[in-house]
PDB file of N, CA and C in Angstrom:
ATOM      1  N   MET A   1     129.262  84.320 151.999  1.00  0.00           N
ATOM      2  CA  MET A   1     127.898  84.647 152.336  1.00  0.00           C
ATOM      3  C   MET A   1     127.572  83.943 153.647  1.00  0.00           C
ATOM      4  N   ARG A   2     127.036  84.668 154.585  1.00  0.00           N
ATOM      5  CA  ARG A   2     126.573  84.126 155.861  1.00  0.00           C
ATOM      6  C   ARG A   2     125.276  84.813 156.237  1.00  0.00           C
ATOM      7  N   GLY A   3     124.333  84.048 156.750  1.00  0.00           N
ATOM      8  CA  GLY A   3     123.064  84.618 157.149  1.00  0.00           C
ATOM      9  C   GLY A   3     122.189  84.902 155.948  1.00  0.00           C
ATOM     10  N   ASP A   4     121.214  85.792 156.143  1.00  0.00           N
ATOM     11  CA  ASP A   4     120.298  86.168 155.066  1.00  0.00           C
ATOM     12  C   ASP A   4     120.908  87.241 154.187  1.00  0.00           C
ATOM     13  N   LEU A   5     120.705  87.123 152.895  1.00  0.00           N
ATOM     14  CA  LEU A   5     121.136  88.128 151.935  1.00  0.00           C
ATOM     15  C   LEU A   5     119.932  88.464 151.064  1.00  0.00           C
ATOM     16  N   GLY A   6     119.685  89.754 150.863  1.00  0.00           N
ATOM     17  CA  GLY A   6     118.567  90.194 150.042  1.00  0.00           C
ATOM     18  C   GLY A   6     117.376  90.559 150.889  1.00  0.00           C
ATOM     19  N   PRO A   7     116.333  91.067 150.262  1.00  0.00           N
ATOM     20  CA  PRO A   7     116.259  91.320 148.814  1.00  0.00           C
ATOM     21  C   PRO A   7     117.062  92.558 148.392  1.00  0.00           C
ATOM     22  N   GLN A   8     117.538  92.530 147.152  1.00  0.00           N
ATOM     23  CA  GLN A   8     118.275  93.615 146.523  1.00  0.00           C
ATOM     24  C   GLN A   8     117.483  94.089 145.308  1.00  0.00           C
ATOM     25  N   SER A   9     117.776  95.287 144.826  1.00  0.00           N
ATOM     26  CA  SER A   9     117.071  95.792 143.647  1.00  0.00           C
ATOM     27  C   SER A   9     117.702  95.317 142.342  1.00  0.00           C
ATOM     28  N   THR A  10     118.937  94.808 142.400  1.00  0.00           N
ATOM     29  CA  THR A  10     119.625  94.308 141.205  1.00  0.00           C
ATOM     30  C   THR A  10     120.225  92.935 141.503  1.00  0.00           C
ATOM     31  N   GLU A  11     120.590  92.223 140.464  1.00  0.00           N
ATOM     32  CA  GLU A  11     121.275  90.943 140.641  1.00  0.00           C
ATOM     33  C   GLU A  11     122.636  91.184 141.276  1.00  0.00           C
ATOM     34  N   ILE A  12     123.033  90.291 142.183  1.00  0.00           N
ATOM     35  CA  ILE A  12     124.387  90.350 142.728  1.00  0.00           C
ATOM     36  C   ILE A  12     124.991  88.958 142.653  1.00  0.00           C
ATOM     37  N   THR A  13     126.285  88.902 142.370  1.00  0.00           N
ATOM     38  CA  THR A  13     126.993  87.632 142.307  1.00  0.00           C
ATOM     39  C   THR A  13     127.212  87.123 143.727  1.00  0.00           C
ATOM     40  N   LEU A  14     126.877  85.866 143.949  1.00  0.00           N
ATOM     41  CA  LEU A  14     127.033  85.262 145.264  1.00  0.00           C
ATOM     42  C   LEU A  14     128.439  84.715 145.443  1.00  0.00           C
ATOM     43  N   THR A  15     128.973  84.868 146.632  1.00  0.00           N
ATOM     44  CA  THR A  15     130.256  84.268 146.981  1.00  0.00           C
ATOM     45  C   THR A  15     129.998  83.201 148.032  1.00  0.00           C
ATOM     46  N   PHE A  16     130.761  82.137 147.975  1.00  0.00           N
ATOM     47  CA  PHE A  16     130.582  81.017 148.891  1.00  0.00           C
ATOM     48  C   PHE A  16     131.849  80.877 149.736  1.00  0.00           C
ATOM     49  N   ASN A  17     131.680  80.865 151.057  1.00  0.00           N
ATOM     50  CA  ASN A  17     132.803  80.896 151.989  1.00  0.00           C
ATOM     51  C   ASN A  17     133.564  79.586 152.095  1.00  0.00           C
ATOM     52  N   ASN A  18     132.864  78.478 152.133  1.00  0.00           N
ATOM     53  CA  ASN A  18     133.516  77.187 152.324  1.00  0.00           C
ATOM     54  C   ASN A  18     133.815  76.545 150.982  1.00  0.00           C
ATOM     55  N   ILE A  19     135.090  76.405 150.697  1.00  0.00           N
ATOM     56  CA  ILE A  19     135.543  75.796 149.449  1.00  0.00           C
ATOM     57  C   ILE A  19     136.037  74.387 149.786  1.00  0.00           C
ATOM     58  N   PHE A  20     135.363  73.372 149.274  1.00  0.00           N
ATOM     59  CA  PHE A  20     135.738  72.002 149.585  1.00  0.00           C
ATOM     60  C   PHE A  20     136.875  71.523 148.694  1.00  0.00           C
ATOM     61  N   THR A  21     136.789  71.813 147.406  1.00  0.00           N
ATOM     62  CA  THR A  21     137.828  71.440 146.447  1.00  0.00           C
ATOM     63  C   THR A  21     137.918  72.545 145.412  1.00  0.00           C
ATOM     64  N   ASN A  22     139.137  72.980 145.109  1.00  0.00           N
ATOM     65  CA  ASN A  22     139.326  74.037 144.109  1.00  0.00           C
ATOM     66  C   ASN A  22     140.648  73.789 143.393  1.00  0.00           C
ATOM     67  N   ILE A  23     140.736  72.633 142.752  1.00  0.00           N
ATOM     68  CA  ILE A  23     141.956  72.255 142.041  1.00  0.00           C
ATOM     69  C   ILE A  23     142.186  73.236 140.907  1.00  0.00           C
ATOM     70  N   GLY A  24     143.355  73.843 140.878  1.00  0.00           N
ATOM     71  CA  GLY A  24     143.681  74.838 139.865  1.00  0.00           C
ATOM     72  C   GLY A  24     143.254  76.244 140.245  1.00  0.00           C
ATOM     73  N   ASN A  25     142.526  76.389 141.357  1.00  0.00           N
ATOM     74  CA  ASN A  25     142.058  77.705 141.821  1.00  0.00           C
ATOM     75  C   ASN A  25     141.282  78.466 140.756  1.00  0.00           C
ATOM     76  N   ASN A  26     140.432  77.760 140.019  1.00  0.00           N
ATOM     77  CA  ASN A  26     139.637  78.407 138.967  1.00  0.00           C
ATOM     78  C   ASN A  26     138.366  79.051 139.501  1.00  0.00           C
ATOM     79  N   TYR A  27     137.998  78.715 140.741  1.00  0.00           N
ATOM     80  CA  TYR A  27     136.909  79.426 141.417  1.00  0.00           C
ATOM     81  C   TYR A  27     137.546  80.456 142.330  1.00  0.00           C
ATOM     82  N   ASN A  28     137.112  81.712 142.193  1.00  0.00           N
ATOM     83  CA  ASN A  28     137.635  82.795 143.018  1.00  0.00           C
ATOM     84  C   ASN A  28     136.631  83.070 144.139  1.00  0.00           C
ATOM     85  N   PRO A  29     136.935  82.685 145.390  1.00  0.00           N
ATOM     86  CA  PRO A  29     135.979  82.882 146.473  1.00  0.00           C
ATOM     87  C   PRO A  29     135.733  84.350 146.807  1.00  0.00           C
ATOM     88  N   ALA A  30     136.629  85.236 146.421  1.00  0.00           N
ATOM     89  CA  ALA A  30     136.436  86.673 146.682  1.00  0.00           C
ATOM     90  C   ALA A  30     135.405  87.281 145.744  1.00  0.00           C
ATOM     91  N   THR A  31     135.322  86.768 144.500  1.00  0.00           N
ATOM     92  CA  THR A  31     134.400  87.328 143.507  1.00  0.00           C
ATOM     93  C   THR A  31     133.207  86.426 143.226  1.00  0.00           C
ATOM     94  N   GLY A  32     133.306  85.135 143.552  1.00  0.00           N
ATOM     95  CA  GLY A  32     132.241  84.185 143.248  1.00  0.00           C
ATOM     96  C   GLY A  32     132.262  83.690 141.819  1.00  0.00           C
ATOM     97  N   LEU A  33     133.349  83.959 141.093  1.00  0.00           N
ATOM     98  CA  LEU A  33     133.427  83.611 139.675  1.00  0.00           C
ATOM     99  C   LEU A  33     134.289  82.370 139.442  1.00  0.00           C
ATOM    100  N   PHE A  34     133.771  81.453 138.619  1.00  0.00           N
ATOM    101  CA  PHE A  34     134.556  80.329 138.123  1.00  0.00           C
ATOM    102  C   PHE A  34     134.983  80.680 136.705  1.00  0.00           C
ATOM    103  N   THR A  35     136.270  80.556 136.406  1.00  0.00           N
ATOM    104  CA  THR A  35     136.802  80.837 135.081  1.00  0.00           C
ATOM    105  C   THR A  35     137.329  79.542 134.481  1.00  0.00           C
ATOM    106  N   ALA A  36     136.825  79.174 133.310  1.00  0.00           N
ATOM    107  CA  ALA A  36     137.204  77.907 132.670  1.00  0.00           C
ATOM    108  C   ALA A  36     138.682  77.918 132.280  1.00  0.00           C
ATOM    109  N   PRO A  37     139.441  76.914 132.744  1.00  0.00           N
ATOM    110  CA  PRO A  37     140.855  76.841 132.399  1.00  0.00           C
ATOM    111  C   PRO A  37     141.118  76.175 131.047  1.00  0.00           C
ATOM    112  N   VAL A  38     140.171  75.326 130.615  1.00  0.00           N
ATOM    113  CA  VAL A  38     140.318  74.625 129.341  1.00  0.00           C
ATOM    114  C   VAL A  38     138.972  74.597 128.627  1.00  0.00           C
ATOM    115  N   LYS A  39     139.022  74.490 127.307  1.00  0.00           N
ATOM    116  CA  LYS A  39     137.800  74.306 126.522  1.00  0.00           C
ATOM    117  C   LYS A  39     137.253  72.927 126.858  1.00  0.00           C
ATOM    118  N   GLY A  40     135.941  72.862 127.137  1.00  0.00           N
ATOM    119  CA  GLY A  40     135.379  71.566 127.459  1.00  0.00           C
ATOM    120  C   GLY A  40     133.920  71.630 127.838  1.00  0.00           C
ATOM    121  N   VAL A  41     133.410  70.472 128.228  1.00  0.00           N
ATOM    122  CA  VAL A  41     132.041  70.329 128.689  1.00  0.00           C
ATOM    123  C   VAL A  41     132.089  70.218 130.216  1.00  0.00           C
ATOM    124  N   TYR A  42     131.333  71.089 130.888  1.00  0.00           N
ATOM    125  CA  TYR A  42     131.337  71.188 132.346  1.00  0.00           C
ATOM    126  C   TYR A  42     129.935  70.965 132.887  1.00  0.00           C
ATOM    127  N   TYR A  43     129.873  70.488 134.120  1.00  0.00           N
ATOM    128  CA  TYR A  43     128.603  70.365 134.827  1.00  0.00           C
ATOM    129  C   TYR A  43     128.631  71.314 136.024  1.00  0.00           C
ATOM    130  N   PHE A  44     127.560  72.110 136.191  1.00  0.00           N
ATOM    131  CA  PHE A  44     127.421  73.027 137.321  1.00  0.00           C
ATOM    132  C   PHE A  44     126.093  72.760 138.019  1.00  0.00           C
ATOM    133  N   ARG A  45     126.110  72.889 139.335  1.00  0.00           N
ATOM    134  CA  ARG A  45     124.908  72.688 140.145  1.00  0.00           C
ATOM    135  C   ARG A  45     124.925  73.685 141.289  1.00  0.00           C
ATOM    136  N   PHE A  46     123.749  74.174 141.660  1.00  0.00           N
ATOM    137  CA  PHE A  46     123.653  75.066 142.803  1.00  0.00           C
ATOM    138  C   PHE A  46     122.378  74.776 143.573  1.00  0.00           C
ATOM    139  N   THR A  47     122.461  75.002 144.871  1.00  0.00           N
ATOM    140  CA  THR A  47     121.316  74.863 145.775  1.00  0.00           C
ATOM    141  C   THR A  47     121.196  76.151 146.560  1.00  0.00           C
ATOM    142  N   ALA A  48     119.989  76.652 146.675  1.00  0.00           N
ATOM    143  CA  ALA A  48     119.722  77.876 147.429  1.00  0.00           C
ATOM    144  C   ALA A  48     118.763  77.548 148.563  1.00  0.00           C
ATOM    145  N   CYS A  49     119.054  78.105 149.734  1.00  0.00           N
ATOM    146  CA  CYS A  49     118.207  77.935 150.911  1.00  0.00           C
ATOM    147  C   CYS A  49     117.564  79.275 151.240  1.00  0.00           C
ATOM    148  N   GLY A  50     116.329  79.248 151.674  1.00  0.00           N
ATOM    149  CA  GLY A  50     115.641  80.461 152.108  1.00  0.00           C
ATOM    150  C   GLY A  50     115.029  80.254 153.474  1.00  0.00           C
ATOM    151  N   THR A  51     115.058  81.299 154.301  1.00  0.00           N
ATOM    152  CA  THR A  51     114.491  81.192 155.648  1.00  0.00           C
ATOM    153  C   THR A  51     113.557  82.341 155.998  1.00  0.00           C
ATOM    154  N   GLN A  52     113.580  83.419 155.231  1.00  0.00           N
ATOM    155  CA  GLN A  52     112.765  84.578 155.580  1.00  0.00           C
ATOM    156  C   GLN A  52     111.299  84.297 155.256  1.00  0.00           C
ATOM    157  N   ILE A  53     110.461  84.371 156.260  1.00  0.00           N
ATOM    158  CA  ILE A  53     109.060  83.958 156.144  1.00  0.00           C
ATOM    159  C   ILE A  53     108.301  84.731 155.068  1.00  0.00           C
ATOM    160  N   ARG A  54     108.494  86.020 154.984  1.00  0.00           N
ATOM    161  CA  ARG A  54     107.703  86.826 154.046  1.00  0.00           C
ATOM    162  C   ARG A  54     108.499  87.261 152.814  1.00  0.00           C
ATOM    163  N   GLN A  55     109.576  86.551 152.505  1.00  0.00           N
ATOM    164  CA  GLN A  55     110.393  86.873 151.338  1.00  0.00           C
ATOM    165  C   GLN A  55     110.518  85.649 150.440  1.00  0.00           C
ATOM    166  N   SER A  56     110.681  85.876 149.157  1.00  0.00           N
ATOM    167  CA  SER A  56     110.844  84.793 148.198  1.00  0.00           C
ATOM    168  C   SER A  56     112.315  84.439 148.048  1.00  0.00           C
ATOM    169  N   LEU A  57     112.568  83.189 147.741  1.00  0.00           N
ATOM    170  CA  LEU A  57     113.911  82.657 147.541  1.00  0.00           C
ATOM    171  C   LEU A  57     114.174  82.568 146.046  1.00  0.00           C
ATOM    172  N   GLY A  58     115.355  83.002 145.575  1.00  0.00           N
ATOM    173  CA  GLY A  58     115.641  82.875 144.152  1.00  0.00           C
ATOM    174  C   GLY A  58     117.086  83.123 143.805  1.00  0.00           C
ATOM    175  N   ALA A  59     117.609  82.336 142.857  1.00  0.00           N
ATOM    176  CA  ALA A  59     118.976  82.482 142.377  1.00  0.00           C
ATOM    177  C   ALA A  59     119.048  81.957 140.949  1.00  0.00           C
ATOM    178  N   SER A  60     120.132  82.308 140.251  1.00  0.00           N
ATOM    179  CA  SER A  60     120.282  81.860 138.867  1.00  0.00           C
ATOM    180  C   SER A  60     121.746  81.589 138.549  1.00  0.00           C
ATOM    181  N   LEU A  61     121.968  80.665 137.617  1.00  0.00           N
ATOM    182  CA  LEU A  61     123.296  80.325 137.118  1.00  0.00           C
ATOM    183  C   LEU A  61     123.548  81.143 135.861  1.00  0.00           C
ATOM    184  N   HIS A  62     124.712  81.775 135.784  1.00  0.00           N
ATOM    185  CA  HIS A  62     125.054  82.628 134.643  1.00  0.00           C
ATOM    186  C   HIS A  62     126.335  82.163 133.974  1.00  0.00           C
ATOM    187  N   LYS A  63     126.359  82.272 132.659  1.00  0.00           N
ATOM    188  CA  LYS A  63     127.564  82.019 131.863  1.00  0.00           C
ATOM    189  C   LYS A  63     127.854  83.300 131.091  1.00  0.00           C
ATOM    190  N   ASN A  64     129.010  83.890 131.351  1.00  0.00           N
ATOM    191  CA  ASN A  64     129.421  85.130 130.677  1.00  0.00           C
ATOM    192  C   ASN A  64     128.328  86.199 130.748  1.00  0.00           C
ATOM    193  N   GLY A  65     127.694  86.301 131.915  1.00  0.00           N
ATOM    194  CA  GLY A  65     126.678  87.325 132.122  1.00  0.00           C
ATOM    195  C   GLY A  65     125.293  86.974 131.627  1.00  0.00           C
ATOM    196  N   GLN A  66     125.135  85.823 130.982  1.00  0.00           N
ATOM    197  CA  GLN A  66     123.835  85.404 130.464  1.00  0.00           C
ATOM    198  C   GLN A  66     123.204  84.391 131.408  1.00  0.00           C
ATOM    199  N   LYS A  67     121.947  84.617 131.781  1.00  0.00           N
ATOM    200  CA  LYS A  67     121.231  83.692 132.662  1.00  0.00           C
ATOM    201  C   LYS A  67     120.983  82.384 131.926  1.00  0.00           C
ATOM    202  N   ILE A  68     121.350  81.273 132.568  1.00  0.00           N
ATOM    203  CA  ILE A  68     121.171  79.951 131.969  1.00  0.00           C
ATOM    204  C   ILE A  68     119.965  79.242 132.582  1.00  0.00           C
ATOM    205  N   VAL A  69     119.959  79.066 133.911  1.00  0.00           N
ATOM    206  CA  VAL A  69     118.833  78.449 134.619  1.00  0.00           C
ATOM    207  C   VAL A  69     118.622  79.190 135.936  1.00  0.00           C
ATOM    208  N   SER A  70     117.407  79.102 136.462  1.00  0.00           N
ATOM    209  CA  SER A  70     117.068  79.773 137.718  1.00  0.00           C
ATOM    210  C   SER A  70     116.270  78.840 138.617  1.00  0.00           C
ATOM    211  N   VAL A  71     116.188  79.231 139.883  1.00  0.00           N
ATOM    212  CA  VAL A  71     115.305  78.568 140.847  1.00  0.00           C
ATOM    213  C   VAL A  71     114.591  79.648 141.639  1.00  0.00           C
ATOM    214  N   GLY A  72     113.436  79.296 142.186  1.00  0.00           N
ATOM    215  CA  GLY A  72     112.725  80.243 143.029  1.00  0.00           C
ATOM    216  C   GLY A  72     111.589  79.575 143.761  1.00  0.00           C
ATOM    217  N   GLN A  73     111.291  80.128 144.929  1.00  0.00           N
ATOM    218  CA  GLN A  73     110.127  79.700 145.692  1.00  0.00           C
ATOM    219  C   GLN A  73     109.484  80.942 146.275  1.00  0.00           C
ATOM    220  N   TRP A  74     108.160  80.926 146.335  1.00  0.00           N
ATOM    221  CA  TRP A  74     107.424  82.112 146.736  1.00  0.00           C
ATOM    222  C   TRP A  74     107.307  82.238 148.234  1.00  0.00           C
ATOM    223  N   ARG A  75     106.784  83.358 148.653  1.00  0.00           N
ATOM    224  CA  ARG A  75     106.616  83.725 150.064  1.00  0.00           C
ATOM    225  C   ARG A  75     105.698  82.774 150.821  1.00  0.00           C
ATOM    226  N   ASN A  76     105.479  83.161 152.091  1.00  0.00           N
ATOM    227  CA  ASN A  76     104.517  82.494 152.972  1.00  0.00           C
ATOM    228  C   ASN A  76     104.882  81.041 153.262  1.00  0.00           C
ATOM    229  N   HIS A  77     105.972  80.861 153.942  1.00  0.00           N
ATOM    230  CA  HIS A  77     106.396  79.557 154.422  1.00  0.00           C
ATOM    231  C   HIS A  77     106.799  79.726 155.878  1.00  0.00           C
ATOM    232  N   ASP A  78     106.925  78.626 156.592  1.00  0.00           N
ATOM    233  CA  ASP A  78     107.296  78.741 157.994  1.00  0.00           C
ATOM    234  C   ASP A  78     108.481  77.849 158.352  1.00  0.00           C
ATOM    235  N   GLN A  79     109.305  77.538 157.371  1.00  0.00           N
ATOM    236  CA  GLN A  79     110.468  76.690 157.615  1.00  0.00           C
ATOM    237  C   GLN A  79     111.519  76.930 156.530  1.00  0.00           C
ATOM    238  N   HIS A  80     112.673  76.283 156.668  1.00  0.00           N
ATOM    239  CA  HIS A  80     113.694  76.357 155.626  1.00  0.00           C
ATOM    240  C   HIS A  80     113.112  75.784 154.334  1.00  0.00           C
ATOM    241  N   ARG A  81     113.464  76.386 153.212  1.00  0.00           N
ATOM    242  CA  ARG A  81     113.084  75.839 151.915  1.00  0.00           C
ATOM    243  C   ARG A  81     114.320  75.789 151.051  1.00  0.00           C
ATOM    244  N   TYR A  82     114.337  74.873 150.117  1.00  0.00           N
ATOM    245  CA  TYR A  82     115.490  74.674 149.256  1.00  0.00           C
ATOM    246  C   TYR A  82     115.031  74.571 147.804  1.00  0.00           C
ATOM    247  N   ALA A  83     115.891  75.038 146.919  1.00  0.00           N
ATOM    248  CA  ALA A  83     115.653  74.890 145.486  1.00  0.00           C
ATOM    249  C   ALA A  83     117.006  74.630 144.830  1.00  0.00           C
ATOM    250  N   SER A  84     117.045  73.709 143.884  1.00  0.00           N
ATOM    251  CA  SER A  84     118.293  73.351 143.201  1.00  0.00           C
ATOM    252  C   SER A  84     118.086  73.311 141.702  1.00  0.00           C
ATOM    253  N   ASN A  85     119.165  73.523 140.997  1.00  0.00           N
ATOM    254  CA  ASN A  85     119.145  73.405 139.545  1.00  0.00           C
ATOM    255  C   ASN A  85     120.568  73.155 139.080  1.00  0.00           C
ATOM    256  N   GLY A  86     120.718  72.772 137.843  1.00  0.00           N
ATOM    257  CA  GLY A  86     122.035  72.503 137.291  1.00  0.00           C
ATOM    258  C   GLY A  86     121.993  72.559 135.783  1.00  0.00           C
ATOM    259  N   ALA A  87     123.186  72.559 135.179  1.00  0.00           N
ATOM    260  CA  ALA A  87     123.272  72.611 133.718  1.00  0.00           C
ATOM    261  C   ALA A  87     124.605  72.050 133.251  1.00  0.00           C
ATOM    262  N   VAL A  88     124.588  71.428 132.096  1.00  0.00           N
ATOM    263  CA  VAL A  88     125.805  71.014 131.400  1.00  0.00           C
ATOM    264  C   VAL A  88     126.102  72.105 130.385  1.00  0.00           C
ATOM    265  N   LEU A  89     127.304  72.682 130.458  1.00  0.00           N
ATOM    266  CA  LEU A  89     127.673  73.803 129.595  1.00  0.00           C
ATOM    267  C   LEU A  89     128.952  73.516 128.836  1.00  0.00           C
ATOM    268  N   GLN A  90     128.981  73.910 127.581  1.00  0.00           N
ATOM    269  CA  GLN A  90     130.234  73.885 126.827  1.00  0.00           C
ATOM    270  C   GLN A  90     130.895  75.243 127.022  1.00  0.00           C
ATOM    271  N   LEU A  91     132.125  75.239 127.533  1.00  0.00           N
ATOM    272  CA  LEU A  91     132.846  76.469 127.815  1.00  0.00           C
ATOM    273  C   LEU A  91     134.125  76.561 126.999  1.00  0.00           C
ATOM    274  N   GLU A  92     134.491  77.773 126.675  1.00  0.00           N
ATOM    275  CA  GLU A  92     135.773  78.078 126.065  1.00  0.00           C
ATOM    276  C   GLU A  92     136.720  78.536 127.175  1.00  0.00           C
ATOM    277  N   VAL A  93     138.008  78.497 126.919  1.00  0.00           N
ATOM    278  CA  VAL A  93     138.978  79.005 127.880  1.00  0.00           C
ATOM    279  C   VAL A  93     138.621  80.452 128.222  1.00  0.00           C
ATOM    280  N   GLY A  94     138.528  80.759 129.508  1.00  0.00           N
ATOM    281  CA  GLY A  94     138.222  82.119 129.949  1.00  0.00           C
ATOM    282  C   GLY A  94     136.754  82.417 130.159  1.00  0.00           C
ATOM    283  N   ASP A  95     135.848  81.517 129.754  1.00  0.00           N
ATOM    284  CA  ASP A  95     134.427  81.731 130.035  1.00  0.00           C
ATOM    285  C   ASP A  95     134.217  81.759 131.544  1.00  0.00           C
ATOM    286  N   VAL A  96     133.232  82.542 131.981  1.00  0.00           N
ATOM    287  CA  VAL A  96     132.990  82.752 133.404  1.00  0.00           C
ATOM    288  C   VAL A  96     131.590  82.256 133.772  1.00  0.00           C
ATOM    289  N   VAL A  97     131.510  81.503 134.873  1.00  0.00           N
ATOM    290  CA  VAL A  97     130.247  80.974 135.379  1.00  0.00           C
ATOM    291  C   VAL A  97     130.109  81.394 136.840  1.00  0.00           C
ATOM    292  N   CYS A  98     128.889  81.784 137.225  1.00  0.00           N
ATOM    293  CA  CYS A  98     128.632  82.184 138.606  1.00  0.00           C
ATOM    294  C   CYS A  98     127.163  81.996 138.944  1.00  0.00           C
ATOM    295  N   VAL A  99     126.850  82.144 140.229  1.00  0.00           N
ATOM    296  CA  VAL A  99     125.468  82.121 140.709  1.00  0.00           C
ATOM    297  C   VAL A  99     125.135  83.524 141.192  1.00  0.00           C
ATOM    298  N   LYS A 100     123.958  84.015 140.796  1.00  0.00           N
ATOM    299  CA  LYS A 100     123.537  85.361 141.191  1.00  0.00           C
ATOM    300  C   LYS A 100     122.219  85.298 141.953  1.00  0.00           C
ATOM    301  N   LEU A 101     122.085  86.212 142.902  1.00  0.00           N
ATOM    302  CA  LEU A 101     120.831  86.413 143.613  1.00  0.00           C
ATOM    303  C   LEU A 101     119.906  87.199 142.704  1.00  0.00           C
ATOM    304  N   LEU A 102     118.682  86.707 142.519  1.00  0.00           N
ATOM    305  CA  LEU A 102     117.720  87.399 141.673  1.00  0.00           C
ATOM    306  C   LEU A 102     117.224  88.672 142.357  1.00  0.00           C
ATOM    307  N   PRO A 103     116.947  89.730 141.600  1.00  0.00           N
ATOM    308  CA  PRO A 103     116.422  90.970 142.204  1.00  0.00           C
ATOM    309  C   PRO A 103     115.110  90.704 142.942  1.00  0.00           C
ATOM    310  N   GLY A 104     114.994  91.231 144.154  1.00  0.00           N
ATOM    311  CA  GLY A 104     113.779  91.082 144.926  1.00  0.00           C
ATOM    312  C   GLY A 104     113.676  89.774 145.695  1.00  0.00           C
ATOM    313  N   TYR A 105     114.679  88.915 145.588  1.00  0.00           N
ATOM    314  CA  TYR A 105     114.665  87.612 146.241  1.00  0.00           C
ATOM    315  C   TYR A 105     115.719  87.555 147.343  1.00  0.00           C
ATOM    316  N   THR A 106     115.672  86.478 148.135  1.00  0.00           N
ATOM    317  CA  THR A 106     116.621  86.292 149.230  1.00  0.00           C
ATOM    318  C   THR A 106     117.291  84.937 149.125  1.00  0.00           C
ATOM    319  N   ILE A 107     118.372  84.772 149.886  1.00  0.00           N
ATOM    320  CA  ILE A 107     119.065  83.496 150.023  1.00  0.00           C
ATOM    321  C   ILE A 107     119.660  83.466 151.420  1.00  0.00           C
ATOM    322  N   TYR A 108     119.887  82.277 151.940  1.00  0.00           N
ATOM    323  CA  TYR A 108     120.412  82.118 153.290  1.00  0.00           C
ATOM    324  C   TYR A 108     121.527  81.087 153.281  1.00  0.00           C
ATOM    325  N   ASP A 109     122.562  81.322 154.082  1.00  0.00           N
ATOM    326  CA  ASP A 109     123.603  80.317 154.272  1.00  0.00           C
ATOM    327  C   ASP A 109     124.058  80.337 155.719  1.00  0.00           C
ATOM    328  N   SER A 110     124.633  79.230 156.156  1.00  0.00           N
ATOM    329  CA  SER A 110     125.115  79.080 157.521  1.00  0.00           C
ATOM    330  C   SER A 110     126.377  78.228 157.483  1.00  0.00           C
ATOM    331  N   PRO A 111     127.011  78.022 158.624  1.00  0.00           N
ATOM    332  CA  PRO A 111     128.177  77.123 158.649  1.00  0.00           C
ATOM    333  C   PRO A 111     127.840  75.698 158.207  1.00  0.00           C
ATOM    334  N   ASP A 112     126.558  75.363 158.145  1.00  0.00           N
ATOM    335  CA  ASP A 112     126.141  74.035 157.679  1.00  0.00           C
ATOM    336  C   ASP A 112     126.106  73.931 156.159  1.00  0.00           C
ATOM    337  N   ASN A 113     126.478  75.013 155.451  1.00  0.00           N
ATOM    338  CA  ASN A 113     126.541  75.010 153.976  1.00  0.00           C
ATOM    339  C   ASN A 113     125.193  74.665 153.353  1.00  0.00           C
ATOM    340  N   LEU A 114     124.172  75.437 153.694  1.00  0.00           N
ATOM    341  CA  LEU A 114     122.822  75.200 153.193  1.00  0.00           C
ATOM    342  C   LEU A 114     122.643  75.680 151.755  1.00  0.00           C
ATOM    343  N   SER A 115     123.434  76.651 151.328  1.00  0.00           N
ATOM    344  CA  SER A 115     123.442  77.122 149.934  1.00  0.00           C
ATOM    345  C   SER A 115     124.808  76.789 149.350  1.00  0.00           C
ATOM    346  N   THR A 116     124.804  76.147 148.173  1.00  0.00           N
ATOM    347  CA  THR A 116     126.071  75.663 147.604  1.00  0.00           C
ATOM    348  C   THR A 116     126.146  75.912 146.100  1.00  0.00           C
ATOM    349  N   PHE A 117     127.365  75.854 145.583  1.00  0.00           N
ATOM    350  CA  PHE A 117     127.653  75.987 144.150  1.00  0.00           C
ATOM    351  C   PHE A 117     128.803  75.041 143.848  1.00  0.00           C
ATOM    352  N   SER A 118     128.639  74.199 142.838  1.00  0.00           N
ATOM    353  CA  SER A 118     129.726  73.295 142.468  1.00  0.00           C
ATOM    354  C   SER A 118     129.750  73.099 140.965  1.00  0.00           C
ATOM    355  N   GLY A 119     130.907  72.705 140.480  1.00  0.00           N
ATOM    356  CA  GLY A 119     131.061  72.439 139.064  1.00  0.00           C
ATOM    357  C   GLY A 119     132.324  71.649 138.806  1.00  0.00           C
ATOM    358  N   PHE A 120     132.328  70.957 137.672  1.00  0.00           N
ATOM    359  CA  PHE A 120     133.515  70.199 137.314  1.00  0.00           C
ATOM    360  C   PHE A 120     133.545  69.951 135.804  1.00  0.00           C
ATOM    361  N   LEU A 121     134.733  69.686 135.315  1.00  0.00           N
ATOM    362  CA  LEU A 121     134.953  69.367 133.907  1.00  0.00           C
ATOM    363  C   LEU A 121     134.525  67.927 133.662  1.00  0.00           C
ATOM    364  N   ILE A 122     133.611  67.712 132.716  1.00  0.00           N
ATOM    365  CA  ILE A 122     133.215  66.364 132.330  1.00  0.00           C
ATOM    366  C   ILE A 122     134.252  65.798 131.377  1.00  0.00           C
ATOM    367  N   TYR A 123     134.563  66.553 130.326  1.00  0.00           N
ATOM    368  CA  TYR A 123     135.636  66.152 129.420  1.00  0.00           C
ATOM    369  C   TYR A 123     136.102  67.356 128.620  1.00  0.00           C
ATOM    370  N   PRO A 124     137.418  67.394 128.316  1.00  0.00           N
ATOM    371  CA  PRO A 124     137.963  68.499 127.525  1.00  0.00           C
ATOM    372  C   PRO A 124     137.628  68.330 126.043  1.00  0.00           C
ATOM    373  N   LEU A 125     137.620  69.452 125.319  1.00  0.00           N
ATOM    374  CA  LEU A 125     137.399  69.457 123.872  1.00  0.00           C
ATOM    375  C   LEU A 125     138.621  70.053 123.192  1.00  0.00           C
ATOM    376  N   LYS A 126     138.847  69.640 121.962  1.00  0.00           N
ATOM    377  CA  LYS A 126     139.965  70.199 121.191  1.00  0.00           C
ATOM    378  C   LYS A 126     139.528  71.392 120.398  1.00  0.00           C
TER     379      LYS A 126
END
């Protein structure tokens, strides 16, 4: 994702261009999907940046297609705005986590990595 994205009429999965760490390659930068390699407790966090003056900013974290948490900020601003959220999730092997752009909302990214998505395994479960 580069520049402004949205608004769209439906949710779309966001992809992030700059991958800082991807041990095991469980995050697919082409699809924007993280697939759990082991059963366990994971932490995920995302930050969304918005720059369009007359558009709202919004994104959500999804697990297996189900919305878990969202962020949003309304129109009428004159500068960059940011919103962040996160969640601790118990995942099974093969569960999928991603960030989606909310319908009717926008998001912005640049080479400065203003919008981000990260996650990691806290501890495995048997």
